[in-house]
């Protein structure tokens, strides 16, 4: 299977040319349907670097995607976004499938000197290392499709002084609906999330029961998110929606659980326990313990005597 060097796509016009599409109606924003794009004549793997934002809904693709550390296929309607300068690895298999879905590309210059230039970065689905794509229901797809058609219709008509503001308003609506659906997914994907919580507990138990604490200290939020191929922000949002606690709070809860075990079942000093739990100074351990339990480590130990 041929593999090419990464292709940097600087403009939307360049992408249109690469995919055999007509010249875009607007140089800084474009909506395309996947069934309009030229399909490769052979299987290949290709890495692409975009200099613009991209949001897409894809299904029934003969492609496999690697984005950040996560692999995707698109047999269902799935949405994800990319920010400028991120890398997307695409493997195209020739298997006879008819691709469907759409893509909107927005060059940062289109947003220049508008509030959206900054606010677009707040949306979690533009995170490079995001793990969880957005799985859309049929009604959700229809809603987003309507907004996309409004954007497309606006930039394909005669451009005037109102066009940019109208398109940006529609784009913000698209992103806000996507954020709503993204948060909904935390609630509706019960089985996958239950399995995630089980795996997280196993991972933390394994970490705390080994020698990692003395050597490396507490597990970081980044360490846990890397283990699950999630961005730290996505993991935080997921845990917050499932348990009401952040990732850091989960780490601290596990720490306090292990500390209570050592305080109640061993004769180790407070300093020795603090060291075994990854603290350089026992005062830091005692302060955290009291914050979490409202008693000092020594008071907790004395309650067992």
C-alpha atoms as a PDB file:
ATOM      1  CA  UNK A   1       0.000   0.000   0.000  1.00  0.00           C
ATOM      2  CA  UNK A   2       1.700   3.245  -1.095  1.00  0.00           C
ATOM      3  CA  UNK A   3       2.471   5.775   1.632  1.00  0.00           C
ATOM      4  CA  UNK A   4       3.313   9.380   0.861  1.00  0.00           C
ATOM      5  CA  UNK A   5       5.132  12.042   2.837  1.00  0.00           C
ATOM      6  CA  UNK A   6       2.864  14.390   4.818  1.00  0.00           C
ATOM      7  CA  UNK A   7       1.052  16.886   2.626  1.00  0.00           C
ATOM      8  CA  UNK A   8       0.589  20.356   4.058  1.00  0.00           C
ATOM      9  CA  UNK A   9      -2.583  21.965   2.769  1.00  0.00           C
ATOM     10  CA  UNK A  10      -2.282  25.714   3.222  1.00  0.00           C
ATOM     11  CA  UNK A  11      -5.445  26.901   1.498  1.00  0.00           C
ATOM     12  CA  UNK A  12      -8.962  25.671   0.891  1.00  0.00           C
ATOM     13  CA  UNK A  13      -8.385  26.045  -2.844  1.00  0.00           C
ATOM     14  CA  UNK A  14      -5.432  23.660  -2.562  1.00  0.00           C
ATOM     15  CA  UNK A  15      -7.654  21.067  -0.886  1.00  0.00           C
ATOM     16  CA  UNK A  16     -10.262  21.408  -3.635  1.00  0.00           C
ATOM     17  CA  UNK A  17      -7.586  20.799  -6.260  1.00  0.00           C
ATOM     18  CA  UNK A  18      -6.191  17.821  -4.361  1.00  0.00           C
ATOM     19  CA  UNK A  19      -9.628  16.173  -4.246  1.00  0.00           C
ATOM     20  CA  UNK A  20     -10.673  16.984  -7.812  1.00  0.00           C
ATOM     21  CA  UNK A  21     -13.269  19.565  -6.795  1.00  0.00           C
ATOM     22  CA  UNK A  22     -14.251  22.768  -8.551  1.00  0.00           C
ATOM     23  CA  UNK A  23     -12.719  26.022  -7.384  1.00  0.00           C
ATOM     24  CA  UNK A  24     -14.338  27.074  -4.068  1.00  0.00           C
ATOM     25  CA  UNK A  25     -16.982  29.803  -4.198  1.00  0.00           C
ATOM     26  CA  UNK A  26     -15.235  31.544  -1.297  1.00  0.00           C
ATOM     27  CA  UNK A  27     -11.465  31.346  -0.684  1.00  0.00           C
ATOM     28  CA  UNK A  28     -11.754  31.198   3.128  1.00  0.00           C
ATOM     29  CA  UNK A  29     -14.751  28.916   3.748  1.00  0.00           C
ATOM     30  CA  UNK A  30     -16.170  25.916   1.928  1.00  0.00           C
ATOM     31  CA  UNK A  31     -18.694  23.115   2.415  1.00  0.00           C
ATOM     32  CA  UNK A  32     -18.220  19.952   0.383  1.00  0.00           C
ATOM     33  CA  UNK A  33     -19.998  16.614   0.167  1.00  0.00           C
ATOM     34  CA  UNK A  34     -17.818  13.527   0.256  1.00  0.00           C
ATOM     35  CA  UNK A  35     -19.609  11.922  -2.656  1.00  0.00           C
ATOM     36  CA  UNK A  36     -18.402  14.854  -4.827  1.00  0.00           C
ATOM     37  CA  UNK A  37     -14.739  14.133  -4.146  1.00  0.00           C
ATOM     38  CA  UNK A  38     -12.560  12.041  -6.431  1.00  0.00           C
ATOM     39  CA  UNK A  39     -11.914   8.605  -4.994  1.00  0.00           C
ATOM     40  CA  UNK A  40      -8.420   7.067  -5.205  1.00  0.00           C
ATOM     41  CA  UNK A  41      -7.764   4.386  -7.789  1.00  0.00           C
ATOM     42  CA  UNK A  42      -5.601   2.394  -5.378  1.00  0.00           C
ATOM     43  CA  UNK A  43      -5.254   1.827  -1.646  1.00  0.00           C
ATOM     44  CA  UNK A  44      -2.890   4.229   0.072  1.00  0.00           C
ATOM     45  CA  UNK A  45      -1.964   5.803   3.389  1.00  0.00           C
ATOM     46  CA  UNK A  46      -1.472   9.538   3.552  1.00  0.00           C
ATOM     47  CA  UNK A  47      -0.810  12.130   6.257  1.00  0.00           C
ATOM     48  CA  UNK A  48      -2.373  15.553   5.879  1.00  0.00           C
ATOM     49  CA  UNK A  49      -1.639  18.803   7.728  1.00  0.00           C
ATOM     50  CA  UNK A  50      -4.327  21.469   7.392  1.00  0.00           C
ATOM     51  CA  UNK A  51      -3.729  25.187   7.932  1.00  0.00           C
ATOM     52  CA  UNK A  52      -7.433  25.735   8.596  1.00  0.00           C
ATOM     53  CA  UNK A  53     -10.264  24.449  10.781  1.00  0.00           C
ATOM     54  CA  UNK A  54     -12.160  21.432   9.575  1.00  0.00           C
ATOM     55  CA  UNK A  55     -15.424  19.936  10.850  1.00  0.00           C
ATOM     56  CA  UNK A  56     -16.867  16.833   9.230  1.00  0.00           C
ATOM     57  CA  UNK A  57     -19.634  14.270   9.516  1.00  0.00           C
ATOM     58  CA  UNK A  58     -18.728  10.994   7.839  1.00  0.00           C
ATOM     59  CA  UNK A  59     -20.250   7.575   7.353  1.00  0.00           C
ATOM     60  CA  UNK A  60     -19.778   4.540   5.112  1.00  0.00           C
ATOM     61  CA  UNK A  61     -16.254   5.615   4.249  1.00  0.00           C
ATOM     62  CA  UNK A  62     -13.631   3.361   2.680  1.00  0.00           C
ATOM     63  CA  UNK A  63     -11.154   5.193   4.915  1.00  0.00           C
ATOM     64  CA  UNK A  64      -9.511   4.572   8.271  1.00  0.00           C
ATOM     65  CA  UNK A  65      -8.380   7.649  10.152  1.00  0.00           C
ATOM     66  CA  UNK A  66      -5.734   8.172  12.805  1.00  0.00           C
ATOM     67  CA  UNK A  67      -6.114  11.451  14.671  1.00  0.00           C
ATOM     68  CA  UNK A  68      -3.825  12.091  17.625  1.00  0.00           C
ATOM     69  CA  UNK A  69      -3.469   8.579  19.083  1.00  0.00           C
ATOM     70  CA  UNK A  70      -6.882   7.229  18.118  1.00  0.00           C
ATOM     71  CA  UNK A  71      -8.079   5.189  15.128  1.00  0.00           C
ATOM     72  CA  UNK A  72     -11.530   5.737  13.646  1.00  0.00           C
ATOM     73  CA  UNK A  73     -13.759   4.195  11.047  1.00  0.00           C
ATOM     74  CA  UNK A  74     -16.989   5.730   9.842  1.00  0.00           C
ATOM     75  CA  UNK A  75     -19.649   3.094   9.419  1.00  0.00           C
ATOM     76  CA  UNK A  76     -21.895   5.286  11.600  1.00  0.00           C
ATOM     77  CA  UNK A  77     -22.510   9.012  11.414  1.00  0.00           C
ATOM     78  CA  UNK A  78     -19.545  10.419  13.322  1.00  0.00           C
ATOM     79  CA  UNK A  79     -18.441  14.006  13.688  1.00  0.00           C
ATOM     80  CA  UNK A  80     -15.072  15.366  14.610  1.00  0.00           C
ATOM     81  CA  UNK A  81     -13.113  18.563  14.154  1.00  0.00           C
ATOM     82  CA  UNK A  82      -9.517  19.553  13.587  1.00  0.00           C
ATOM     83  CA  UNK A  83      -7.705  22.765  14.370  1.00  0.00           C
ATOM     84  CA  UNK A  84      -5.000  24.253  12.124  1.00  0.00           C
ATOM     85  CA  UNK A  85      -1.596  22.532  11.956  1.00  0.00           C
ATOM     86  CA  UNK A  86      -2.794  19.164  13.277  1.00  0.00           C
ATOM     87  CA  UNK A  87      -1.938  15.893  11.539  1.00  0.00           C
ATOM     88  CA  UNK A  88      -4.529  13.482  10.178  1.00  0.00           C
ATOM     89  CA  UNK A  89      -3.403  10.108   8.849  1.00  0.00           C
ATOM     90  CA  UNK A  90      -5.809   8.645   6.290  1.00  0.00           C
ATOM     91  CA  UNK A  91      -5.763   5.065   5.003  1.00  0.00           C
ATOM     92  CA  UNK A  92      -8.002   4.504   1.976  1.00  0.00           C
ATOM     93  CA  UNK A  93      -9.101   0.997   1.162  1.00  0.00           C
ATOM     94  CA  UNK A  94     -10.707   0.201  -2.173  1.00  0.00           C
ATOM     95  CA  UNK A  95     -13.758  -1.770  -1.042  1.00  0.00           C
ATOM     96  CA  UNK A  96     -16.657  -0.468  -3.110  1.00  0.00           C
ATOM     97  CA  UNK A  97     -18.325   1.599  -0.387  1.00  0.00           C
ATOM     98  CA  UNK A  98     -20.018   4.828  -1.379  1.00  0.00           C
ATOM     99  CA  UNK A  99     -18.893   7.507   1.067  1.00  0.00           C
ATOM    100  CA  UNK A 100     -21.341  10.053   2.403  1.00  0.00           C
ATOM    101  CA  UNK A 101     -21.289  13.029   4.705  1.00  0.00           C
ATOM    102  CA  UNK A 102     -19.960  16.561   4.565  1.00  0.00           C
ATOM    103  CA  UNK A 103     -17.014  18.705   5.529  1.00  0.00           C
ATOM    104  CA  UNK A 104     -16.795  22.402   6.288  1.00  0.00           C
ATOM    105  CA  UNK A 105     -13.423  24.138   6.138  1.00  0.00           C
ATOM    106  CA  UNK A 106     -12.857  27.543   7.757  1.00  0.00           C
ATOM    107  CA  UNK A 107      -9.599  29.393   7.299  1.00  0.00           C
ATOM    108  CA  UNK A 108      -8.506  31.393  10.387  1.00  0.00           C
ATOM    109  CA  UNK A 109      -8.368  34.528   8.221  1.00  0.00           C
ATOM    110  CA  UNK A 110     -12.141  34.333   7.820  1.00  0.00           C
ATOM    111  CA  UNK A 111     -12.485  34.725  11.597  1.00  0.00           C
ATOM    112  CA  UNK A 112      -9.881  37.443  11.953  1.00  0.00           C
ATOM    113  CA  UNK A 113     -10.920  40.431  14.084  1.00  0.00           C
ATOM    114  CA  UNK A 114     -14.109  38.705  15.286  1.00  0.00           C
ATOM    115  CA  UNK A 115     -14.898  37.160  18.705  1.00  0.00           C
ATOM    116  CA  UNK A 116     -15.048  33.741  17.024  1.00  0.00           C
ATOM    117  CA  UNK A 117     -11.305  33.932  16.298  1.00  0.00           C
ATOM    118  CA  UNK A 118     -10.734  33.306  20.008  1.00  0.00           C
ATOM    119  CA  UNK A 119     -13.884  31.521  21.119  1.00  0.00           C
ATOM    120  CA  UNK A 120     -13.545  28.712  18.555  1.00  0.00           C
ATOM    121  CA  UNK A 121     -10.599  27.385  20.557  1.00  0.00           C
ATOM    122  CA  UNK A 122     -12.741  26.679  23.624  1.00  0.00           C
ATOM    123  CA  UNK A 123     -14.620  23.796  22.013  1.00  0.00           C
ATOM    124  CA  UNK A 124     -13.340  20.440  23.249  1.00  0.00           C
ATOM    125  CA  UNK A 125     -13.706  18.633  19.927  1.00  0.00           C
ATOM    126  CA  UNK A 126     -10.835  20.690  18.459  1.00  0.00           C
ATOM    127  CA  UNK A 127      -8.453  19.162  21.008  1.00  0.00           C
ATOM    128  CA  UNK A 128      -5.623  17.409  19.153  1.00  0.00           C
ATOM    129  CA  UNK A 129      -5.567  14.359  21.413  1.00  0.00           C
ATOM    130  CA  UNK A 130      -9.319  14.001  21.814  1.00  0.00           C
ATOM    131  CA  UNK A 131     -10.322  10.361  21.929  1.00  0.00           C
ATOM    132  CA  UNK A 132     -14.045  10.303  21.672  1.00  0.00           C
ATOM    133  CA  UNK A 133     -15.588  11.325  18.360  1.00  0.00           C
ATOM    134  CA  UNK A 134     -19.170  12.560  18.419  1.00  0.00           C
ATOM    135  CA  UNK A 135     -21.652   9.818  17.532  1.00  0.00           C
ATOM    136  CA  UNK A 136     -24.719  11.520  16.091  1.00  0.00           C
ATOM    137  CA  UNK A 137     -28.327  10.414  16.180  1.00  0.00           C
ATOM    138  CA  UNK A 138     -30.403  10.792  13.035  1.00  0.00           C
ATOM    139  CA  UNK A 139     -32.180  13.879  14.417  1.00  0.00           C
ATOM    140  CA  UNK A 140     -28.855  15.437  15.406  1.00  0.00           C
ATOM    141  CA  UNK A 141     -27.449  14.875  11.934  1.00  0.00           C
ATOM    142  CA  UNK A 142     -30.503  16.543  10.397  1.00  0.00           C
ATOM    143  CA  UNK A 143     -30.122  19.552  12.685  1.00  0.00           C
ATOM    144  CA  UNK A 144     -26.458  20.036  11.779  1.00  0.00           C
ATOM    145  CA  UNK A 145     -27.181  19.465   8.098  1.00  0.00           C
ATOM    146  CA  UNK A 146     -29.716  22.299   8.132  1.00  0.00           C
ATOM    147  CA  UNK A 147     -27.150  24.682   9.588  1.00  0.00           C
ATOM    148  CA  UNK A 148     -24.528  23.605   7.069  1.00  0.00           C
ATOM    149  CA  UNK A 149     -26.950  24.243   4.209  1.00  0.00           C
ATOM    150  CA  UNK A 150     -27.609  27.749   5.563  1.00  0.00           C
ATOM    151  CA  UNK A 151     -23.869  28.469   5.637  1.00  0.00           C
ATOM    152  CA  UNK A 152     -23.404  27.078   2.142  1.00  0.00           C
ATOM    153  CA  UNK A 153     -26.288  29.079   0.732  1.00  0.00           C
ATOM    154  CA  UNK A 154     -24.990  32.299   2.296  1.00  0.00           C
ATOM    155  CA  UNK A 155     -21.438  32.178   0.921  1.00  0.00           C
ATOM    156  CA  UNK A 156     -22.606  31.021  -2.503  1.00  0.00           C
ATOM    157  CA  UNK A 157     -24.809  34.100  -2.947  1.00  0.00           C
ATOM    158  CA  UNK A 158     -23.490  37.568  -3.641  1.00  0.00           C
ATOM    159  CA  UNK A 159     -21.095  38.520  -0.858  1.00  0.00           C
ATOM    160  CA  UNK A 160     -21.906  41.771   0.907  1.00  0.00           C
ATOM    161  CA  UNK A 161     -20.969  43.494   4.186  1.00  0.00           C
ATOM    162  CA  UNK A 162     -23.396  41.277   6.149  1.00  0.00           C
ATOM    163  CA  UNK A 163     -22.161  37.938   4.812  1.00  0.00           C
ATOM    164  CA  UNK A 164     -19.303  37.335   7.237  1.00  0.00           C
ATOM    165  CA  UNK A 165     -21.379  38.086  10.334  1.00  0.00           C
ATOM    166  CA  UNK A 166     -24.250  35.891   9.143  1.00  0.00           C
ATOM    167  CA  UNK A 167     -21.936  32.967   8.377  1.00  0.00           C
ATOM    168  CA  UNK A 168     -20.080  33.316  11.669  1.00  0.00           C
ATOM    169  CA  UNK A 169     -23.408  33.394  13.510  1.00  0.00           C
ATOM    170  CA  UNK A 170     -24.417  30.147  11.776  1.00  0.00           C
ATOM    171  CA  UNK A 171     -21.013  28.643  12.523  1.00  0.00           C
ATOM    172  CA  UNK A 172     -21.376  29.501  16.201  1.00  0.00           C
ATOM    173  CA  UNK A 173     -24.798  27.840  16.185  1.00  0.00           C
ATOM    174  CA  UNK A 174     -23.260  24.752  14.599  1.00  0.00           C
ATOM    175  CA  UNK A 175     -20.560  24.598  17.266  1.00  0.00           C
ATOM    176  CA  UNK A 176     -23.000  25.167  20.114  1.00  0.00           C
ATOM    177  CA  UNK A 177     -25.289  22.386  18.933  1.00  0.00           C
ATOM    178  CA  UNK A 178     -22.247  20.153  18.550  1.00  0.00           C
ATOM    179  CA  UNK A 179     -21.202  20.979  22.096  1.00  0.00           C
ATOM    180  CA  UNK A 180     -24.702  20.086  23.315  1.00  0.00           C
ATOM    181  CA  UNK A 181     -24.577  16.741  21.488  1.00  0.00           C
ATOM    182  CA  UNK A 182     -21.048  16.172  22.757  1.00  0.00           C
ATOM    183  CA  UNK A 183     -22.197  16.614  26.369  1.00  0.00           C
ATOM    184  CA  UNK A 184     -25.247  14.432  25.680  1.00  0.00           C
ATOM    185  CA  UNK A 185     -22.920  11.641  24.641  1.00  0.00           C
ATOM    186  CA  UNK A 186     -21.464  11.522  28.154  1.00  0.00           C
ATOM    187  CA  UNK A 187     -24.923  10.656  29.419  1.00  0.00           C
ATOM    188  CA  UNK A 188     -26.197   8.255  26.760  1.00  0.00           C
ATOM    189  CA  UNK A 189     -23.216   5.970  26.201  1.00  0.00           C
ATOM    190  CA  UNK A 190     -23.731   4.150  29.497  1.00  0.00           C
ATOM    191  CA  UNK A 191     -22.019   0.848  28.724  1.00  0.00           C
ATOM    192  CA  UNK A 192     -18.838   2.374  27.330  1.00  0.00           C
ATOM    193  CA  UNK A 193     -18.605   4.802  30.217  1.00  0.00           C
ATOM    194  CA  UNK A 194     -19.197   2.110  32.834  1.00  0.00           C
ATOM    195  CA  UNK A 195     -16.325   0.163  31.293  1.00  0.00           C
ATOM    196  CA  UNK A 196     -14.197   3.309  31.358  1.00  0.00           C
ATOM    197  CA  UNK A 197     -14.784   3.762  35.097  1.00  0.00           C
ATOM    198  CA  UNK A 198     -13.882   0.126  35.746  1.00  0.00           C
ATOM    199  CA  UNK A 199     -10.678   0.457  33.742  1.00  0.00           C
ATOM    200  CA  UNK A 200      -9.806   3.694  35.529  1.00  0.00           C
ATOM    201  CA  UNK A 201     -10.190   2.027  38.934  1.00  0.00           C
ATOM    202  CA  UNK A 202      -7.998  -0.885  37.834  1.00  0.00           C
ATOM    203  CA  UNK A 203      -5.360   1.491  36.463  1.00  0.00           C
ATOM    204  CA  UNK A 204      -5.255   3.543  39.667  1.00  0.00           C
ATOM    205  CA  UNK A 205      -5.194   0.425  41.873  1.00  0.00           C
ATOM    206  CA  UNK A 206      -2.299  -1.000  39.880  1.00  0.00           C
ATOM    207  CA  UNK A 207      -0.400   2.280  40.044  1.00  0.00           C
ATOM    208  CA  UNK A 208      -0.899   2.719  43.803  1.00  0.00           C
ATOM    209  CA  UNK A 209      -0.088  -0.901  44.630  1.00  0.00           C
ATOM    210  CA  UNK A 210       3.212  -0.851  42.745  1.00  0.00           C
ATOM    211  CA  UNK A 211       6.372   1.105  43.466  1.00  0.00           C
ATOM    212  CA  UNK A 212       5.361   3.978  41.191  1.00  0.00           C
ATOM    213  CA  UNK A 213       4.490   6.368  44.002  1.00  0.00           C
ATOM    214  CA  UNK A 214       7.935   6.357  45.609  1.00  0.00           C
ATOM    215  CA  UNK A 215       9.719   6.642  42.281  1.00  0.00           C
ATOM    216  CA  UNK A 216       7.421   8.900  40.277  1.00  0.00           C
ATOM    217  CA  UNK A 217       4.967  10.459  42.708  1.00  0.00           C
ATOM    218  CA  UNK A 218       1.230  10.636  42.174  1.00  0.00           C
ATOM    219  CA  UNK A 219      -0.114   9.753  38.725  1.00  0.00           C
ATOM    220  CA  UNK A 220      -0.679  12.921  36.755  1.00  0.00           C
ATOM    221  CA  UNK A 221      -3.853  13.814  34.908  1.00  0.00           C
ATOM    222  CA  UNK A 222      -1.815  13.707  31.691  1.00  0.00           C
ATOM    223  CA  UNK A 223      -0.607  10.178  32.495  1.00  0.00           C
ATOM    224  CA  UNK A 224      -4.167   8.911  32.957  1.00  0.00           C
ATOM    225  CA  UNK A 225      -5.497  10.646  29.869  1.00  0.00           C
ATOM    226  CA  UNK A 226      -2.623   9.234  27.795  1.00  0.00           C
ATOM    227  CA  UNK A 227      -3.463   5.732  29.026  1.00  0.00           C
ATOM    228  CA  UNK A 228      -6.995   6.152  27.679  1.00  0.00           C
ATOM    229  CA  UNK A 229      -5.999   8.096  24.552  1.00  0.00           C
ATOM    230  CA  UNK A 230      -8.098  10.998  25.788  1.00  0.00           C
ATOM    231  CA  UNK A 231      -7.307  14.639  26.148  1.00  0.00           C
ATOM    232  CA  UNK A 232      -7.088  15.793  29.793  1.00  0.00           C
ATOM    233  CA  UNK A 233     -10.056  18.090  29.229  1.00  0.00           C
ATOM    234  CA  UNK A 234     -12.199  15.316  27.727  1.00  0.00           C
ATOM    235  CA  UNK A 235     -11.414  12.991  30.631  1.00  0.00           C
ATOM    236  CA  UNK A 236     -12.248  15.746  33.091  1.00  0.00           C
ATOM    237  CA  UNK A 237     -15.587  16.415  31.387  1.00  0.00           C
ATOM    238  CA  UNK A 238     -16.419  12.715  31.208  1.00  0.00           C
ATOM    239  CA  UNK A 239     -15.643  12.054  34.878  1.00  0.00           C
ATOM    240  CA  UNK A 240     -17.456  15.210  35.927  1.00  0.00           C
ATOM    241  CA  UNK A 241     -20.592  14.098  34.097  1.00  0.00           C
ATOM    242  CA  UNK A 242     -20.416  10.524  35.443  1.00  0.00           C
ATOM    243  CA  UNK A 243     -19.302  11.085  39.029  1.00  0.00           C
ATOM    244  CA  UNK A 244     -19.378  14.812  39.729  1.00  0.00           C
ATOM    245  CA  UNK A 245     -15.627  14.798  40.342  1.00  0.00           C
ATOM    246  CA  UNK A 246     -12.623  15.836  38.306  1.00  0.00           C
ATOM    247  CA  UNK A 247      -9.706  13.588  37.383  1.00  0.00           C
ATOM    248  CA  UNK A 248      -7.538  15.203  40.059  1.00  0.00           C
ATOM    249  CA  UNK A 249     -10.195  14.534  42.674  1.00  0.00           C
ATOM    250  CA  UNK A 250     -10.276  10.864  41.666  1.00  0.00           C
ATOM    251  CA  UNK A 251      -6.517  10.657  42.053  1.00  0.00           C
ATOM    252  CA  UNK A 252      -6.690  12.261  45.491  1.00  0.00           C
ATOM    253  CA  UNK A 253      -9.545   9.978  46.588  1.00  0.00           C
ATOM    254  CA  UNK A 254      -7.472   6.938  45.685  1.00  0.00           C
ATOM    255  CA  UNK A 255      -4.511   8.429  47.547  1.00  0.00           C
ATOM    256  CA  UNK A 256      -6.577   9.004  50.695  1.00  0.00           C
ATOM    257  CA  UNK A 257      -7.930   5.456  50.456  1.00  0.00           C
ATOM    258  CA  UNK A 258      -4.383   4.049  50.402  1.00  0.00           C
ATOM    259  CA  UNK A 259      -3.290   6.422  53.174  1.00  0.00           C
ATOM    260  CA  UNK A 260      -6.145   5.284  55.425  1.00  0.00           C
ATOM    261  CA  UNK A 261      -5.162   1.667  54.774  1.00  0.00           C
ATOM    262  CA  UNK A 262      -1.553   2.298  55.805  1.00  0.00           C
ATOM    263  CA  UNK A 263      -2.541   4.390  58.832  1.00  0.00           C
ATOM    264  CA  UNK A 264      -4.917   1.726  60.141  1.00  0.00           C
ATOM    265  CA  UNK A 265      -2.963  -1.463  59.355  1.00  0.00           C
ATOM    266  CA  UNK A 266       0.744  -0.562  59.735  1.00  0.00           C
ATOM    267  CA  UNK A 267       3.048   0.986  62.318  1.00  0.00           C
ATOM    268  CA  UNK A 268       4.754   3.204  59.766  1.00  0.00           C
ATOM    269  CA  UNK A 269       5.311   6.801  60.852  1.00  0.00           C
ATOM    270  CA  UNK A 270       3.413   9.626  59.166  1.00  0.00           C
ATOM    271  CA  UNK A 271       6.622  10.652  57.403  1.00  0.00           C
ATOM    272  CA  UNK A 272       7.230   7.109  56.140  1.00  0.00           C
ATOM    273  CA  UNK A 273       3.669   6.829  54.825  1.00  0.00           C
ATOM    274  CA  UNK A 274       3.969  10.222  53.151  1.00  0.00           C
ATOM    275  CA  UNK A 275       7.195   9.099  51.440  1.00  0.00           C
ATOM    276  CA  UNK A 276       5.643   5.815  50.268  1.00  0.00           C
ATOM    277  CA  UNK A 277       2.740   7.766  48.811  1.00  0.00           C
ATOM    278  CA  UNK A 278       5.053   9.951  46.762  1.00  0.00           C
ATOM    279  CA  UNK A 279       5.313  13.072  48.942  1.00  0.00           C
ATOM    280  CA  UNK A 280       8.674  14.746  49.502  1.00  0.00           C
ATOM    281  CA  UNK A 281       7.406  16.484  52.622  1.00  0.00           C
ATOM    282  CA  UNK A 282       5.077  14.962  55.209  1.00  0.00           C
ATOM    283  CA  UNK A 283       3.502  18.371  55.809  1.00  0.00           C
ATOM    284  CA  UNK A 284       2.082  18.370  52.268  1.00  0.00           C
ATOM    285  CA  UNK A 285       0.623  14.910  52.819  1.00  0.00           C
ATOM    286  CA  UNK A 286      -0.894  15.875  56.174  1.00  0.00           C
ATOM    287  CA  UNK A 287      -2.418  19.040  54.724  1.00  0.00           C
ATOM    288  CA  UNK A 288      -4.089  17.146  51.858  1.00  0.00           C
ATOM    289  CA  UNK A 289      -5.283  14.381  54.180  1.00  0.00           C
ATOM    290  CA  UNK A 290      -6.906  16.868  56.551  1.00  0.00           C
ATOM    291  CA  UNK A 291      -8.488  18.783  53.682  1.00  0.00           C
ATOM    292  CA  UNK A 292     -10.087  15.579  52.426  1.00  0.00           C
ATOM    293  CA  UNK A 293     -11.048  13.956  55.740  1.00  0.00           C
ATOM    294  CA  UNK A 294     -11.279  16.928  58.174  1.00  0.00           C
ATOM    295  CA  UNK A 295      -8.873  15.137  60.553  1.00  0.00           C
ATOM    296  CA  UNK A 296      -5.088  14.855  60.582  1.00  0.00           C
ATOM    297  CA  UNK A 297      -3.379  11.535  59.743  1.00  0.00           C
ATOM    298  CA  UNK A 298      -2.432  11.148  63.430  1.00  0.00           C
ATOM    299  CA  UNK A 299      -6.021  11.784  64.579  1.00  0.00           C
ATOM    300  CA  UNK A 300      -7.278   9.236  62.066  1.00  0.00           C
ATOM    301  CA  UNK A 301      -4.788   6.632  63.334  1.00  0.00           C
ATOM    302  CA  UNK A 302      -5.662   7.323  66.960  1.00  0.00           C
ATOM    303  CA  UNK A 303      -9.334   6.678  66.205  1.00  0.00           C
ATOM    304  CA  UNK A 304      -8.423   3.012  65.639  1.00  0.00           C
ATOM    305  CA  UNK A 305      -6.739   2.645  69.019  1.00  0.00           C
END
